[in-house]
Amino acid sequence: MRTELLTNLSRRHLEVRCWQNEIEFAGIELPLFQQIMRGVAKEQLPAAGQGDYDYLNGRLRHYERLIPQLKEEVNEYNHEVAMAWQQAAGREMEEDHRYLREEMDDFRWDLQSFKKNLWAFLSHHTAVRA
Protein backbone atom coordinates (compact mmCIF):
# COMPACT_ATOMS: atom_id res chain seq x y z
CA MET A 1 0.00 0.00 0.00
CA ARG A 2 2.72 2.48 0.94
CA THR A 3 4.70 1.77 -2.24
CA GLU A 4 1.57 2.24 -4.33
CA LEU A 5 0.82 5.54 -2.59
CA LEU A 6 4.35 6.84 -3.14
CA THR A 7 4.25 5.78 -6.79
CA ASN A 8 0.94 7.61 -7.22
CA LEU A 9 2.33 10.73 -5.56
CA SER A 10 5.46 10.57 -7.71
CA ARG A 11 3.33 10.46 -10.85
CA ARG A 12 1.25 13.38 -9.63
CA HIS A 13 4.34 15.39 -8.79
CA LEU A 14 5.79 14.73 -12.25
CA GLU A 15 2.54 15.78 -13.91
CA VAL A 16 2.43 18.94 -11.80
CA ARG A 17 6.00 19.78 -12.84
CA CYS A 18 4.98 19.37 -16.49
CA TRP A 19 2.01 21.67 -15.92
CA GLN A 20 4.22 24.24 -14.23
CA ASN A 21 6.64 24.14 -17.16
CA GLU A 22 3.81 24.52 -19.70
CA ILE A 23 2.41 27.50 -17.84
CA GLU A 24 5.87 29.04 -17.49
CA PHE A 25 6.54 28.63 -21.21
CA ALA A 26 3.14 30.12 -22.09
CA GLY A 27 4.05 33.10 -19.90
CA ILE A 28 7.24 33.52 -21.91
CA GLU A 29 5.41 33.19 -25.25
CA LEU A 30 2.67 35.67 -24.37
CA PRO A 31 4.77 38.87 -24.64
CA LEU A 32 6.12 37.62 -27.98
CA PHE A 33 2.59 37.16 -29.32
CA GLN A 34 1.62 40.59 -28.00
CA GLN A 35 4.62 42.16 -29.75
CA ILE A 36 3.73 40.40 -33.00
CA MET A 37 0.17 41.71 -32.82
CA ARG A 38 1.41 45.24 -32.07
CA GLY A 39 3.33 45.00 -35.34
CA VAL A 40 0.12 44.58 -37.33
CA ALA A 41 -1.59 47.76 -38.53
CA LYS A 42 -5.23 46.99 -37.76
CA GLU A 43 -6.55 49.97 -39.71
CA GLN A 44 -4.96 48.63 -42.91
CA LEU A 45 -6.66 45.25 -42.60
CA PRO A 46 -9.85 44.34 -44.46
CA ALA A 47 -12.97 44.17 -42.28
CA ALA A 48 -12.68 40.40 -41.73
CA GLY A 49 -9.03 40.80 -40.80
CA GLN A 50 -9.93 43.51 -38.29
CA GLY A 51 -12.43 41.15 -36.67
CA ASP A 52 -9.75 38.45 -36.47
CA TYR A 53 -7.32 41.00 -35.05
CA ASP A 54 -9.78 41.96 -32.30
CA TYR A 55 -10.52 38.31 -31.53
CA LEU A 56 -6.83 37.42 -31.22
CA ASN A 57 -6.13 40.43 -29.01
CA GLY A 58 -9.06 39.40 -26.83
CA ARG A 59 -7.53 35.93 -26.51
CA LEU A 60 -4.21 37.49 -25.52
CA ARG A 61 -5.95 39.43 -22.73
CA HIS A 62 -7.63 36.18 -21.67
CA TYR A 63 -4.23 34.50 -21.32
CA GLU A 64 -2.87 37.49 -19.41
CA ARG A 65 -5.54 36.76 -16.79
CA LEU A 66 -5.55 32.96 -17.03
CA ILE A 67 -1.84 32.21 -16.79
CA PRO A 68 -1.28 33.72 -13.30
CA GLN A 69 -4.53 32.18 -12.01
CA LEU A 70 -3.68 28.73 -13.34
CA LYS A 71 -0.12 29.04 -12.07
CA GLU A 72 -1.40 29.78 -8.58
CA GLU A 73 -3.87 26.87 -8.63
CA VAL A 74 -1.21 24.41 -9.80
CA ASN A 75 1.27 25.68 -7.20
CA GLU A 76 -1.33 25.26 -4.45
CA TYR A 77 -2.03 21.74 -5.63
CA ASN A 78 1.70 20.99 -5.76
CA HIS A 79 1.81 21.97 -2.10
CA GLU A 80 -1.00 19.47 -1.42
CA VAL A 81 0.98 16.75 -3.18
CA ALA A 82 4.03 17.58 -1.09
CA MET A 83 1.95 17.47 2.09
CA ALA A 84 0.50 14.11 1.05
CA TRP A 85 3.99 12.66 1.23
CA GLN A 86 3.73 13.28 4.95
CA GLN A 87 0.24 11.82 5.31
CA ALA A 88 -2.14 9.51 3.47
CA ALA A 89 -3.66 10.97 0.32
CA GLY A 90 -7.31 11.89 0.73
CA ARG A 91 -10.27 12.11 -1.61
CA GLU A 92 -9.98 15.91 -1.81
CA MET A 93 -6.57 15.58 -3.40
CA GLU A 94 -7.97 13.17 -6.00
CA GLU A 95 -10.69 15.68 -6.89
CA ASP A 96 -8.16 18.53 -7.06
CA HIS A 97 -5.93 16.49 -9.34
CA ARG A 98 -8.82 15.59 -11.64
CA TYR A 99 -9.93 19.25 -11.73
CA LEU A 100 -6.44 20.54 -12.52
CA ARG A 101 -5.90 17.87 -15.16
CA GLU A 102 -9.08 19.05 -16.89
CA GLU A 103 -8.01 22.69 -16.52
CA MET A 104 -4.62 21.94 -18.05
CA ASP A 105 -6.16 19.92 -20.88
CA ASP A 106 -8.47 22.85 -21.65
CA PHE A 107 -5.61 25.33 -21.35
CA ARG A 108 -3.36 23.25 -23.62
CA TRP A 109 -6.07 22.81 -26.28
CA ASP A 110 -7.13 26.45 -26.13
CA LEU A 111 -3.58 27.78 -26.37
CA GLN A 112 -2.78 25.51 -29.31
CA SER A 113 -5.94 26.70 -31.04
CA PHE A 114 -4.93 30.31 -30.39
CA LYS A 115 -1.47 29.74 -31.85
CA LYS A 116 -2.95 28.11 -34.94
CA ASN A 117 -5.32 31.05 -35.41
CA LEU A 118 -2.54 33.58 -34.81
CA TRP A 119 -0.20 32.03 -37.38
CA ALA A 120 -3.04 31.68 -39.90
CA PHE A 121 -3.94 35.34 -39.35
CA LEU A 122 -0.34 36.44 -39.77
CA SER A 123 0.16 34.35 -42.92
CA HIS A 124 -2.85 36.09 -44.52
CA HIS A 125 -1.89 39.58 -43.38
CA THR A 126 1.92 39.62 -43.38
CA ALA A 127 2.08 42.61 -45.71
CA VAL A 128 0.09 44.74 -43.28
CA ARG A 129 2.70 46.01 -40.83
CA ALA A 130 2.62 49.03 -38.57
C-alpha atoms as a PDB file:
ATOM      1  CA  MET A   1       0.000   0.000   0.000  1.00  0.00           C
ATOM      2  CA  ARG A   2       2.722   2.480   0.937  1.00  0.00           C
ATOM      3  CA  THR A   3       4.702   1.767  -2.236  1.00  0.00           C
ATOM      4  CA  GLU A   4       1.570   2.244  -4.327  1.00  0.00           C
ATOM      5  CA  LEU A   5       0.817   5.542  -2.592  1.00  0.00           C
ATOM      6  CA  LEU A   6       4.351   6.836  -3.137  1.00  0.00           C
ATOM      7  CA  THR A   7       4.248   5.784  -6.794  1.00  0.00           C
ATOM      8  CA  ASN A   8       0.942   7.606  -7.224  1.00  0.00           C
ATOM      9  CA  LEU A   9       2.328  10.726  -5.559  1.00  0.00           C
ATOM     10  CA  SER A  10       5.461  10.574  -7.711  1.00  0.00           C
ATOM     11  CA  ARG A  11       3.326  10.464 -10.855  1.00  0.00           C
ATOM     12  CA  ARG A  12       1.251  13.377  -9.633  1.00  0.00           C
ATOM     13  CA  HIS A  13       4.337  15.388  -8.788  1.00  0.00           C
ATOM     14  CA  LEU A  14       5.788  14.731 -12.255  1.00  0.00           C
ATOM     15  CA  GLU A  15       2.540  15.777 -13.912  1.00  0.00           C
ATOM     16  CA  VAL A  16       2.431  18.943 -11.803  1.00  0.00           C
ATOM     17  CA  ARG A  17       6.001  19.778 -12.837  1.00  0.00           C
ATOM     18  CA  CYS A  18       4.980  19.370 -16.488  1.00  0.00           C
ATOM     19  CA  TRP A  19       2.009  21.668 -15.917  1.00  0.00           C
ATOM     20  CA  GLN A  20       4.217  24.245 -14.227  1.00  0.00           C
ATOM     21  CA  ASN A  21       6.638  24.142 -17.158  1.00  0.00           C
ATOM     22  CA  GLU A  22       3.813  24.525 -19.703  1.00  0.00           C
ATOM     23  CA  ILE A  23       2.410  27.504 -17.836  1.00  0.00           C
ATOM     24  CA  GLU A  24       5.868  29.041 -17.486  1.00  0.00           C
ATOM     25  CA  PHE A  25       6.535  28.628 -21.211  1.00  0.00           C
ATOM     26  CA  ALA A  26       3.138  30.119 -22.095  1.00  0.00           C
ATOM     27  CA  GLY A  27       4.049  33.095 -19.895  1.00  0.00           C
ATOM     28  CA  ILE A  28       7.241  33.516 -21.911  1.00  0.00           C
ATOM     29  CA  GLU A  29       5.412  33.192 -25.245  1.00  0.00           C
ATOM     30  CA  LEU A  30       2.671  35.671 -24.370  1.00  0.00           C
ATOM     31  CA  PRO A  31       4.775  38.873 -24.645  1.00  0.00           C
ATOM     32  CA  LEU A  32       6.122  37.616 -27.985  1.00  0.00           C
ATOM     33  CA  PHE A  33       2.591  37.159 -29.324  1.00  0.00           C
ATOM     34  CA  GLN A  34       1.624  40.591 -28.003  1.00  0.00           C
ATOM     35  CA  GLN A  35       4.621  42.164 -29.747  1.00  0.00           C
ATOM     36  CA  ILE A  36       3.725  40.402 -32.998  1.00  0.00           C
ATOM     37  CA  MET A  37       0.166  41.708 -32.823  1.00  0.00           C
ATOM     38  CA  ARG A  38       1.405  45.244 -32.072  1.00  0.00           C
ATOM     39  CA  GLY A  39       3.334  44.999 -35.338  1.00  0.00           C
ATOM     40  CA  VAL A  40       0.123  44.582 -37.328  1.00  0.00           C
ATOM     41  CA  ALA A  41      -1.590  47.759 -38.527  1.00  0.00           C
ATOM     42  CA  LYS A  42      -5.234  46.989 -37.759  1.00  0.00           C
ATOM     43  CA  GLU A  43      -6.552  49.966 -39.707  1.00  0.00           C
ATOM     44  CA  GLN A  44      -4.964  48.630 -42.908  1.00  0.00           C
ATOM     45  CA  LEU A  45      -6.658  45.246 -42.604  1.00  0.00           C
ATOM     46  CA  PRO A  46      -9.846  44.342 -44.458  1.00  0.00           C
ATOM     47  CA  ALA A  47     -12.972  44.172 -42.276  1.00  0.00           C
ATOM     48  CA  ALA A  48     -12.683  40.398 -41.730  1.00  0.00           C
ATOM     49  CA  GLY A  49      -9.031  40.803 -40.797  1.00  0.00           C
ATOM     50  CA  GLN A  50      -9.930  43.514 -38.286  1.00  0.00           C
ATOM     51  CA  GLY A  51     -12.425  41.151 -36.669  1.00  0.00           C
ATOM     52  CA  ASP A  52      -9.752  38.449 -36.469  1.00  0.00           C
ATOM     53  CA  TYR A  53      -7.323  40.999 -35.050  1.00  0.00           C
ATOM     54  CA  ASP A  54      -9.779  41.957 -32.301  1.00  0.00           C
ATOM     55  CA  TYR A  55     -10.517  38.310 -31.533  1.00  0.00           C
ATOM     56  CA  LEU A  56      -6.833  37.425 -31.220  1.00  0.00           C
ATOM     57  CA  ASN A  57      -6.127  40.428 -29.010  1.00  0.00           C
ATOM     58  CA  GLY A  58      -9.058  39.400 -26.827  1.00  0.00           C
ATOM     59  CA  ARG A  59      -7.533  35.927 -26.508  1.00  0.00           C
ATOM     60  CA  LEU A  60      -4.211  37.492 -25.516  1.00  0.00           C
ATOM     61  CA  ARG A  61      -5.952  39.434 -22.731  1.00  0.00           C
ATOM     62  CA  HIS A  62      -7.632  36.178 -21.672  1.00  0.00           C
ATOM     63  CA  TYR A  63      -4.227  34.500 -21.321  1.00  0.00           C
ATOM     64  CA  GLU A  64      -2.871  37.487 -19.408  1.00  0.00           C
ATOM     65  CA  ARG A  65      -5.537  36.763 -16.789  1.00  0.00           C
ATOM     66  CA  LEU A  66      -5.554  32.961 -17.026  1.00  0.00           C
ATOM     67  CA  ILE A  67      -1.841  32.211 -16.788  1.00  0.00           C
ATOM     68  CA  PRO A  68      -1.282  33.724 -13.302  1.00  0.00           C
ATOM     69  CA  GLN A  69      -4.526  32.181 -12.012  1.00  0.00           C
ATOM     70  CA  LEU A  70      -3.679  28.733 -13.345  1.00  0.00           C
ATOM     71  CA  LYS A  71      -0.117  29.038 -12.071  1.00  0.00           C
ATOM     72  CA  GLU A  72      -1.397  29.780  -8.576  1.00  0.00           C
ATOM     73  CA  GLU A  73      -3.872  26.866  -8.630  1.00  0.00           C
ATOM     74  CA  VAL A  74      -1.209  24.413  -9.803  1.00  0.00           C
ATOM     75  CA  ASN A  75       1.265  25.680  -7.199  1.00  0.00           C
ATOM     76  CA  GLU A  76      -1.327  25.260  -4.452  1.00  0.00           C
ATOM     77  CA  TYR A  77      -2.031  21.739  -5.633  1.00  0.00           C
ATOM     78  CA  ASN A  78       1.696  20.992  -5.761  1.00  0.00           C
ATOM     79  CA  HIS A  79       1.813  21.971  -2.103  1.00  0.00           C
ATOM     80  CA  GLU A  80      -1.001  19.470  -1.423  1.00  0.00           C
ATOM     81  CA  VAL A  81       0.983  16.754  -3.180  1.00  0.00           C
ATOM     82  CA  ALA A  82       4.030  17.578  -1.088  1.00  0.00           C
ATOM     83  CA  MET A  83       1.950  17.468   2.094  1.00  0.00           C
ATOM     84  CA  ALA A  84       0.503  14.115   1.047  1.00  0.00           C
ATOM     85  CA  TRP A  85       3.989  12.662   1.227  1.00  0.00           C
ATOM     86  CA  GLN A  86       3.734  13.283   4.948  1.00  0.00           C
ATOM     87  CA  GLN A  87       0.238  11.816   5.309  1.00  0.00           C
ATOM     88  CA  ALA A  88      -2.141   9.512   3.471  1.00  0.00           C
ATOM     89  CA  ALA A  89      -3.662  10.975   0.320  1.00  0.00           C
ATOM     90  CA  GLY A  90      -7.306  11.888   0.727  1.00  0.00           C
ATOM     91  CA  ARG A  91     -10.274  12.112  -1.608  1.00  0.00           C
ATOM     92  CA  GLU A  92      -9.977  15.905  -1.812  1.00  0.00           C
ATOM     93  CA  MET A  93      -6.565  15.583  -3.403  1.00  0.00           C
ATOM     94  CA  GLU A  94      -7.975  13.168  -5.997  1.00  0.00           C
ATOM     95  CA  GLU A  95     -10.687  15.678  -6.890  1.00  0.00           C
ATOM     96  CA  ASP A  96      -8.164  18.527  -7.056  1.00  0.00           C
ATOM     97  CA  HIS A  97      -5.930  16.490  -9.340  1.00  0.00           C
ATOM     98  CA  ARG A  98      -8.816  15.592 -11.638  1.00  0.00           C
ATOM     99  CA  TYR A  99      -9.934  19.245 -11.735  1.00  0.00           C
ATOM    100  CA  LEU A 100      -6.445  20.542 -12.520  1.00  0.00           C
ATOM    101  CA  ARG A 101      -5.896  17.867 -15.164  1.00  0.00           C
ATOM    102  CA  GLU A 102      -9.083  19.051 -16.890  1.00  0.00           C
ATOM    103  CA  GLU A 103      -8.014  22.691 -16.525  1.00  0.00           C
ATOM    104  CA  MET A 104      -4.615  21.944 -18.048  1.00  0.00           C
ATOM    105  CA  ASP A 105      -6.156  19.919 -20.881  1.00  0.00           C
ATOM    106  CA  ASP A 106      -8.467  22.848 -21.655  1.00  0.00           C
ATOM    107  CA  PHE A 107      -5.608  25.333 -21.355  1.00  0.00           C
ATOM    108  CA  ARG A 108      -3.359  23.247 -23.617  1.00  0.00           C
ATOM    109  CA  TRP A 109      -6.071  22.811 -26.279  1.00  0.00           C
ATOM    110  CA  ASP A 110      -7.133  26.449 -26.126  1.00  0.00           C
ATOM    111  CA  LEU A 111      -3.575  27.779 -26.367  1.00  0.00           C
ATOM    112  CA  GLN A 112      -2.778  25.513 -29.314  1.00  0.00           C
ATOM    113  CA  SER A 113      -5.938  26.701 -31.042  1.00  0.00           C
ATOM    114  CA  PHE A 114      -4.929  30.313 -30.394  1.00  0.00           C
ATOM    115  CA  LYS A 115      -1.467  29.739 -31.854  1.00  0.00           C
ATOM    116  CA  LYS A 116      -2.953  28.106 -34.938  1.00  0.00           C
ATOM    117  CA  ASN A 117      -5.322  31.048 -35.414  1.00  0.00           C
ATOM    118  CA  LEU A 118      -2.537  33.581 -34.813  1.00  0.00           C
ATOM    119  CA  TRP A 119      -0.204  32.030 -37.381  1.00  0.00           C
ATOM    120  CA  ALA A 120      -3.043  31.682 -39.905  1.00  0.00           C
ATOM    121  CA  PHE A 121      -3.942  35.336 -39.349  1.00  0.00           C
ATOM    122  CA  LEU A 122      -0.340  36.444 -39.775  1.00  0.00           C
ATOM    123  CA  SER A 123       0.159  34.352 -42.924  1.00  0.00           C
ATOM    124  CA  HIS A 124      -2.846  36.090 -44.515  1.00  0.00           C
ATOM    125  CA  HIS A 125      -1.891  39.582 -43.380  1.00  0.00           C
ATOM    126  CA  THR A 126       1.919  39.619 -43.383  1.00  0.00           C
ATOM    127  CA  ALA A 127       2.082  42.607 -45.713  1.00  0.00           C
ATOM    128  CA  VAL A 128       0.091  44.738 -43.282  1.00  0.00           C
ATOM    129  CA  ARG A 129       2.700  46.011 -40.829  1.00  0.00           C
ATOM    130  CA  ALA A 130       2.622  49.032 -38.574  1.00  0.00           C
END
